[in-house]
Protein backbone atom coordinates (compact mmCIF):
# COMPACT_ATOMS: atom_id res chain seq x y z
CA MET A 1 146.60 67.56 -55.98
CA THR A 2 144.03 68.02 -53.24
CA ASN A 3 140.73 69.80 -53.54
CA THR A 4 142.10 72.63 -51.42
CA GLU A 5 144.79 73.58 -53.93
CA THR A 6 143.93 76.08 -56.64
CA HIS A 7 144.44 75.28 -60.28
CA ILE A 8 143.14 77.72 -62.88
CA GLU A 9 143.38 77.57 -66.66
CA VAL A 10 142.04 80.18 -69.04
CA GLY A 11 140.93 79.51 -72.60
CA ARG A 12 139.19 81.46 -75.34
CA LEU A 13 135.77 80.61 -76.71
CA GLY A 14 135.83 79.76 -80.39
CA GLY A 15 133.58 77.77 -82.66
CA ARG A 16 134.22 74.58 -84.57
CA ALA A 17 134.99 76.63 -87.66
CA ALA A 18 135.85 79.93 -86.03
CA PRO A 19 138.99 81.07 -84.26
CA PRO A 20 138.77 81.87 -80.55
CA ASP A 21 137.02 85.15 -79.77
CA PRO A 22 139.34 87.30 -77.61
CA ARG A 23 136.32 89.06 -76.05
CA HIS A 24 135.08 85.85 -74.44
CA SER A 25 137.09 83.48 -72.34
CA PHE A 26 136.41 80.52 -70.14
CA VAL A 27 138.10 79.53 -66.92
CA LEU A 28 138.74 76.04 -65.60
CA ARG A 29 139.26 75.91 -61.87
CA ASP A 30 139.32 73.32 -59.14
CA ALA A 31 136.11 73.14 -57.17
CA THR A 32 136.02 74.62 -53.68
CA SER A 33 133.84 73.49 -50.80
CA SER A 34 131.34 76.26 -51.55
CA ASP A 35 130.82 74.77 -55.04
CA ALA A 36 129.02 71.63 -53.83
CA PRO A 37 125.53 73.03 -54.67
CA ILE A 38 126.73 74.07 -58.14
CA ILE A 39 128.13 70.59 -58.77
CA ALA A 40 124.85 69.01 -57.61
CA ASP A 41 122.96 71.25 -60.05
CA LEU A 42 125.30 70.45 -62.95
CA VAL A 43 125.00 66.72 -62.23
CA THR A 44 121.22 67.06 -62.43
CA ARG A 45 121.57 68.89 -65.75
CA LEU A 46 123.84 66.11 -67.04
CA ALA A 47 121.37 63.45 -65.90
CA THR A 48 118.53 65.31 -67.62
CA TYR A 49 120.53 65.41 -70.86
CA GLU A 50 121.21 61.67 -70.52
CA GLU A 51 117.51 61.02 -69.77
CA LEU A 52 118.54 59.68 -66.34
CA ALA A 53 117.30 62.46 -64.04
CA HIS A 54 115.10 59.94 -62.22
CA GLU A 55 118.27 58.22 -60.96
CA VAL A 56 119.82 61.27 -59.29
CA ILE A 57 119.60 61.16 -55.50
CA ALA A 58 122.91 62.88 -54.72
CA THR A 59 122.71 66.13 -52.78
CA ALA A 60 125.05 69.07 -52.34
CA ASP A 61 125.93 67.61 -48.93
CA ASP A 62 126.87 64.31 -50.57
CA PHE A 63 129.20 66.11 -52.97
CA HIS A 64 130.66 68.19 -50.16
CA THR A 65 131.50 65.04 -48.19
CA ALA A 66 132.88 63.16 -51.21
CA LEU A 67 134.99 66.02 -52.53
CA PHE A 68 136.13 67.72 -49.34
CA GLY A 69 135.96 65.06 -46.64
CA THR A 70 139.05 63.49 -45.10
CA PRO A 71 140.20 61.85 -47.24
CA PRO A 72 138.50 63.17 -50.36
CA ARG A 73 136.99 60.33 -52.41
CA ALA A 74 136.64 62.32 -55.63
CA TYR A 75 137.76 65.59 -57.20
CA ALA A 76 136.04 68.19 -59.34
CA MET A 77 136.81 71.05 -61.67
CA LEU A 78 134.41 73.73 -62.92
CA ALA A 79 134.29 75.50 -66.26
CA GLU A 80 133.05 79.09 -66.09
CA VAL A 81 132.25 81.80 -68.61
CA ASP A 82 132.03 85.32 -67.19
CA GLY A 83 131.89 83.79 -63.70
CA LYS A 84 128.92 81.56 -64.59
CA PRO A 85 129.43 77.79 -64.09
CA ILE A 86 128.68 76.12 -67.43
CA GLY A 87 130.40 72.75 -67.03
CA PHE A 88 132.35 70.43 -64.81
CA ALA A 89 134.53 67.36 -64.61
CA LEU A 90 134.45 64.92 -61.69
CA TRP A 91 137.07 62.18 -61.29
CA PHE A 92 138.71 59.79 -58.88
CA TYR A 93 141.69 57.47 -58.88
CA ASN A 94 141.56 53.75 -59.52
CA PHE A 95 144.34 51.18 -59.80
CA SER A 96 145.48 48.80 -62.53
CA THR A 97 147.00 45.58 -61.27
CA PHE A 98 148.30 44.92 -64.79
CA LEU A 99 150.12 48.25 -64.95
CA GLY A 100 150.95 48.40 -61.25
CA ARG A 101 149.92 52.07 -61.30
CA HIS A 102 146.89 54.14 -60.52
CA GLY A 103 144.71 55.62 -63.20
CA LEU A 104 142.42 58.60 -63.43
CA TYR A 105 138.77 57.58 -63.81
CA VAL A 106 136.56 60.31 -65.25
CA GLU A 107 133.14 59.85 -63.68
CA ASP A 108 131.48 62.73 -65.49
CA VAL A 109 132.23 65.61 -67.82
CA PHE A 110 129.45 67.96 -68.78
CA VAL A 111 129.28 71.23 -70.69
CA GLU A 112 125.97 73.08 -71.06
CA PRO A 113 124.63 72.56 -74.60
CA ASP A 114 124.82 76.27 -75.47
CA TYR A 115 128.57 76.23 -74.77
CA ARG A 116 129.50 73.04 -76.65
CA GLY A 117 131.72 73.23 -79.70
CA HIS A 118 133.90 75.99 -78.25
CA GLY A 119 136.77 73.89 -76.88
CA ILE A 120 135.61 73.73 -73.25
CA GLY A 121 135.09 69.97 -73.17
CA ARG A 122 138.43 69.39 -74.83
CA ALA A 123 140.08 71.77 -72.35
CA LEU A 124 138.53 69.83 -69.44
CA PHE A 125 139.87 66.54 -70.82
CA ALA A 126 143.27 68.10 -71.56
CA ALA A 127 143.49 69.39 -67.97
CA LEU A 128 142.62 65.91 -66.67
CA ALA A 129 145.20 64.32 -68.99
CA ALA A 130 147.82 66.76 -67.71
CA ARG A 131 147.00 65.72 -64.14
CA ALA A 132 147.17 62.04 -65.08
CA VAL A 133 150.59 62.49 -66.68
CA ALA A 134 151.91 64.66 -63.80
CA GLU A 135 150.73 62.05 -61.29
CA ASN A 136 152.21 59.14 -63.27
CA CYS A 137 148.83 57.55 -63.95
CA GLY A 138 148.91 54.65 -66.36
CA ARG A 139 145.70 55.68 -68.11
CA MET A 140 142.46 57.64 -68.11
CA GLU A 141 139.15 55.85 -68.45
CA TRP A 142 135.44 56.72 -68.58
CA TRP A 143 132.14 55.35 -69.79
CA VAL A 144 129.88 56.71 -72.50
CA LEU A 145 126.27 55.81 -73.19
CA ASP A 146 125.87 53.74 -76.36
CA TRP A 147 123.32 56.16 -77.83
CA ASN A 148 125.44 59.27 -77.26
CA GLU A 149 127.03 59.41 -80.70
CA PRO A 150 128.18 63.06 -80.40
CA ALA A 151 130.15 62.18 -77.26
CA ARG A 152 131.55 59.04 -78.89
CA ARG A 153 132.81 61.09 -81.84
CA PHE A 154 134.26 63.68 -79.46
CA TYR A 155 136.13 61.01 -77.48
CA HIS A 156 137.43 59.44 -80.68
CA ALA A 157 138.73 62.87 -81.73
CA LEU A 158 140.59 63.03 -78.40
CA GLY A 159 142.33 59.75 -79.30
CA ALA A 160 140.28 57.51 -76.99
CA HIS A 161 139.32 53.99 -78.03
CA PRO A 162 136.29 51.95 -76.90
CA MET A 163 136.97 48.76 -74.95
CA THR A 164 134.79 46.34 -76.87
CA ASP A 165 135.93 43.20 -75.00
CA TRP A 166 134.68 44.36 -71.60
CA THR A 167 131.23 44.78 -70.08
CA VAL A 168 130.32 46.79 -67.02
CA GLN A 169 129.14 44.91 -63.94
CA ARG A 170 127.25 46.63 -61.14
CA LEU A 171 126.10 45.48 -57.71
CA THR A 172 123.63 47.78 -55.90
CA GLY A 173 120.74 47.85 -53.47
CA ASP A 174 119.48 44.59 -52.02
CA ALA A 175 122.00 42.50 -53.97
CA LEU A 176 124.88 44.55 -52.55
CA HIS A 177 123.55 44.23 -49.01
CA ALA A 178 122.87 40.51 -49.40
CA LEU A 179 126.44 39.84 -50.53
CA ALA A 180 127.80 41.99 -47.70
CA GLN A 181 125.91 39.80 -45.22
CA GLU A 182 128.08 36.87 -46.32
CA ALA A 183 131.21 38.55 -44.97
């Protein structure tokens, strides 16, 4: 699916112990090019929650280029309540040489704290899983901060399992440029 196609899902807000309230619903929809500023704002809110706001340098223009350039390098979906953006998912495709198939890598999922516990996060992950299955992906993967126990419990409830035998490696800044000079 491209970022120009429309995909909308509607759900009902309910609590952890309460059934969905038919008076309130949420909508999941694919991001459009005019949503780049909203995505930038939601990323900043996520980073603030994760105590990483000082690391955010991405702009609305950066998201516009990444999501709607040719080719798109990532994809996004928004969650809205009464037309108000209250969450998002951003993903891209990777590849497993062991499986010989691509996978769906979830870069970020965020739901505003006031809207958590109502099924929106689960609906975002379910929509991503449906895409992964429809596109014959071999798996979905994402990272979670070690200290974020609520998210870890949530992911476990989805059926996800931590990969304890792997560590993340990252090359950035001067080290990235120095290695590139060797090419």
